[in-house]
Amino acid sequence: MDNAPERDRIPVVEVVVTETVDVNSAPRLTATLGEALRIRPDQLIIDLEACPSIDAAGIAVLLDAHRKVRRDGGYLTLRAPSDRLRRNLRLARTDHVLHIIPGCP
């Protein structure tokens, strides 16, 4: 058991995705989310408003980040995915697992 004092948590960390998330870009997003998770946010927001599309590799990255943040006591929110992205998330049956909110009006 680790007796080291718990580091202070960060309330909110936001990551803005502005490119297609596919098998080619998934490693970059994984690295970015890994950096965000290392600072232990209570809430990790992934803004998808400018993300044109996402494939299975991208969805896998989101699910992996969700598992990691939950395991650390936080939660992940996807903000402002387009109708197309929402459809892909629904088809992958992840829309019941991932918390999705609309963008700002």
C-alpha atoms as a PDB file:
ATOM      1  CA  MET A   1       0.000   0.000   0.000  1.00  0.00           C
ATOM      2  CA  ASP A   2       1.324   3.421  -0.962  1.00  0.00           C
ATOM      3  CA  ASN A   3       1.475   5.819   2.002  1.00  0.00           C
ATOM      4  CA  ALA A   4       2.545   8.808  -0.098  1.00  0.00           C
ATOM      5  CA  PRO A   5       0.349  11.879   0.405  1.00  0.00           C
ATOM      6  CA  GLU A   6      -2.314  12.270  -2.254  1.00  0.00           C
ATOM      7  CA  ARG A   7      -1.492  15.010  -4.739  1.00  0.00           C
ATOM      8  CA  ASP A   8      -3.901  17.849  -5.141  1.00  0.00           C
ATOM      9  CA  ARG A   9      -6.462  17.188  -7.823  1.00  0.00           C
ATOM     10  CA  ILE A  10      -7.286  19.600 -10.609  1.00  0.00           C
ATOM     11  CA  PRO A  11     -11.043  20.329 -10.814  1.00  0.00           C
ATOM     12  CA  VAL A  12     -11.383  20.463 -14.628  1.00  0.00           C
ATOM     13  CA  VAL A  13      -9.107  19.793 -17.568  1.00  0.00           C
ATOM     14  CA  GLU A  14     -10.326  20.437 -21.111  1.00  0.00           C
ATOM     15  CA  VAL A  15      -8.898  18.905 -24.268  1.00  0.00           C
ATOM     16  CA  VAL A  16     -10.064  20.345 -27.584  1.00  0.00           C
ATOM     17  CA  VAL A  17      -9.978  17.959 -30.553  1.00  0.00           C
ATOM     18  CA  THR A  18      -9.743  19.746 -33.909  1.00  0.00           C
ATOM     19  CA  GLU A  19      -8.844  16.926 -36.280  1.00  0.00           C
ATOM     20  CA  THR A  20     -10.300  13.648 -37.422  1.00  0.00           C
ATOM     21  CA  VAL A  21      -9.654  10.941 -34.855  1.00  0.00           C
ATOM     22  CA  ASP A  22      -8.747   7.783 -36.705  1.00  0.00           C
ATOM     23  CA  VAL A  23      -6.140   5.051 -36.650  1.00  0.00           C
ATOM     24  CA  ASN A  24      -3.477   7.564 -37.755  1.00  0.00           C
ATOM     25  CA  SER A  25      -4.216  10.303 -35.219  1.00  0.00           C
ATOM     26  CA  ALA A  26      -5.331   8.101 -32.298  1.00  0.00           C
ATOM     27  CA  PRO A  27      -1.780   7.800 -30.868  1.00  0.00           C
ATOM     28  CA  ARG A  28      -1.516  11.618 -30.632  1.00  0.00           C
ATOM     29  CA  LEU A  29      -4.847  11.847 -28.848  1.00  0.00           C
ATOM     30  CA  THR A  30      -3.835   8.991 -26.537  1.00  0.00           C
ATOM     31  CA  ALA A  31      -0.647  10.870 -25.618  1.00  0.00           C
ATOM     32  CA  THR A  32      -2.514  14.143 -25.064  1.00  0.00           C
ATOM     33  CA  LEU A  33      -5.142  12.487 -22.888  1.00  0.00           C
ATOM     34  CA  GLY A  34      -2.391  10.656 -20.999  1.00  0.00           C
ATOM     35  CA  GLU A  35      -0.816  13.997 -20.115  1.00  0.00           C
ATOM     36  CA  ALA A  36      -4.198  15.330 -19.006  1.00  0.00           C
ATOM     37  CA  LEU A  37      -4.850  12.267 -16.857  1.00  0.00           C
ATOM     38  CA  ARG A  38      -1.461  12.514 -15.144  1.00  0.00           C
ATOM     39  CA  ILE A  39      -2.587  15.700 -13.415  1.00  0.00           C
ATOM     40  CA  ARG A  40      -5.605  13.820 -12.019  1.00  0.00           C
ATOM     41  CA  PRO A  41      -8.591  15.944 -12.993  1.00  0.00           C
ATOM     42  CA  ASP A  42     -11.913  15.507 -11.223  1.00  0.00           C
ATOM     43  CA  GLN A  43     -13.504  16.138 -14.608  1.00  0.00           C
ATOM     44  CA  LEU A  44     -11.907  15.632 -18.013  1.00  0.00           C
ATOM     45  CA  ILE A  45     -13.827  17.411 -20.765  1.00  0.00           C
ATOM     46  CA  ILE A  46     -13.093  16.448 -24.348  1.00  0.00           C
ATOM     47  CA  ASP A  47     -14.457  19.111 -26.676  1.00  0.00           C
ATOM     48  CA  LEU A  48     -15.405  17.540 -30.008  1.00  0.00           C
ATOM     49  CA  GLU A  49     -17.107  20.535 -31.622  1.00  0.00           C
ATOM     50  CA  ALA A  50     -14.326  20.962 -34.226  1.00  0.00           C
ATOM     51  CA  CYS A  51     -13.692  17.227 -34.714  1.00  0.00           C
ATOM     52  CA  PRO A  52     -14.894  16.311 -38.222  1.00  0.00           C
ATOM     53  CA  SER A  53     -15.092  12.544 -37.694  1.00  0.00           C
ATOM     54  CA  ILE A  54     -14.121   9.649 -35.481  1.00  0.00           C
ATOM     55  CA  ASP A  55     -13.589   5.981 -36.251  1.00  0.00           C
ATOM     56  CA  ALA A  56     -13.345   2.839 -34.112  1.00  0.00           C
ATOM     57  CA  ALA A  57      -9.752   3.609 -33.118  1.00  0.00           C
ATOM     58  CA  GLY A  58     -10.814   7.039 -31.878  1.00  0.00           C
ATOM     59  CA  ILE A  59     -13.746   5.614 -29.960  1.00  0.00           C
ATOM     60  CA  ALA A  60     -11.384   3.111 -28.341  1.00  0.00           C
ATOM     61  CA  VAL A  61      -9.173   6.014 -27.198  1.00  0.00           C
ATOM     62  CA  LEU A  62     -12.186   7.749 -25.634  1.00  0.00           C
ATOM     63  CA  LEU A  63     -13.295   4.569 -23.858  1.00  0.00           C
ATOM     64  CA  ASP A  64      -9.785   3.955 -22.541  1.00  0.00           C
ATOM     65  CA  ALA A  65      -9.602   7.520 -21.188  1.00  0.00           C
ATOM     66  CA  HIS A  66     -13.046   7.069 -19.620  1.00  0.00           C
ATOM     67  CA  ARG A  67     -11.906   3.897 -17.814  1.00  0.00           C
ATOM     68  CA  LYS A  68      -8.724   5.545 -16.565  1.00  0.00           C
ATOM     69  CA  VAL A  69     -10.374   8.712 -15.284  1.00  0.00           C
ATOM     70  CA  ARG A  70     -13.138   6.689 -13.556  1.00  0.00           C
ATOM     71  CA  ARG A  71     -10.573   4.396 -11.946  1.00  0.00           C
ATOM     72  CA  ASP A  72      -8.923   7.513 -10.519  1.00  0.00           C
ATOM     73  CA  GLY A  73     -12.211   8.832  -9.112  1.00  0.00           C
ATOM     74  CA  GLY A  74     -13.022  11.392 -11.803  1.00  0.00           C
ATOM     75  CA  TYR A  75     -15.323  11.463 -14.785  1.00  0.00           C
ATOM     76  CA  LEU A  76     -15.097  12.168 -18.468  1.00  0.00           C
ATOM     77  CA  THR A  77     -17.468  14.329 -20.487  1.00  0.00           C
ATOM     78  CA  LEU A  78     -17.656  14.675 -24.260  1.00  0.00           C
ATOM     79  CA  ARG A  79     -18.761  18.164 -25.244  1.00  0.00           C
ATOM     80  CA  ALA A  80     -20.460  19.234 -28.474  1.00  0.00           C
ATOM     81  CA  PRO A  81     -20.007  16.267 -30.783  1.00  0.00           C
ATOM     82  CA  SER A  82     -21.647  16.810 -34.158  1.00  0.00           C
ATOM     83  CA  ASP A  83     -24.668  14.759 -35.187  1.00  0.00           C
ATOM     84  CA  ARG A  84     -22.318  12.597 -37.238  1.00  0.00           C
ATOM     85  CA  LEU A  85     -20.071  11.895 -34.244  1.00  0.00           C
ATOM     86  CA  ARG A  86     -23.080  11.239 -31.999  1.00  0.00           C
ATOM     87  CA  ARG A  87     -24.338   8.738 -34.575  1.00  0.00           C
ATOM     88  CA  ASN A  88     -20.966   6.950 -34.619  1.00  0.00           C
ATOM     89  CA  LEU A  89     -20.942   6.836 -30.809  1.00  0.00           C
ATOM     90  CA  ARG A  90     -24.505   5.498 -30.799  1.00  0.00           C
ATOM     91  CA  LEU A  91     -23.686   2.835 -33.416  1.00  0.00           C
ATOM     92  CA  ALA A  92     -20.705   1.747 -31.322  1.00  0.00           C
ATOM     93  CA  ARG A  93     -23.068   1.578 -28.323  1.00  0.00           C
ATOM     94  CA  THR A  94     -20.891   3.926 -26.321  1.00  0.00           C
ATOM     95  CA  ASP A  95     -23.462   6.684 -25.960  1.00  0.00           C
ATOM     96  CA  HIS A  96     -24.763   4.966 -22.794  1.00  0.00           C
ATOM     97  CA  VAL A  97     -21.262   4.741 -21.308  1.00  0.00           C
ATOM     98  CA  LEU A  98     -19.804   8.129 -22.199  1.00  0.00           C
ATOM     99  CA  HIS A  99     -21.346  11.296 -20.787  1.00  0.00           C
ATOM    100  CA  ILE A 100     -22.195  13.598 -23.704  1.00  0.00           C
ATOM    101  CA  ILE A 101     -23.309  17.221 -23.419  1.00  0.00           C
ATOM    102  CA  PRO A 102     -24.203  19.791 -26.083  1.00  0.00           C
ATOM    103  CA  GLY A 103     -21.989  22.759 -26.815  1.00  0.00           C
ATOM    104  CA  CYS A 104     -22.615  26.279 -25.617  1.00  0.00           C
ATOM    105  CA  PRO A 105     -25.467  28.013 -27.474  1.00  0.00           C
END
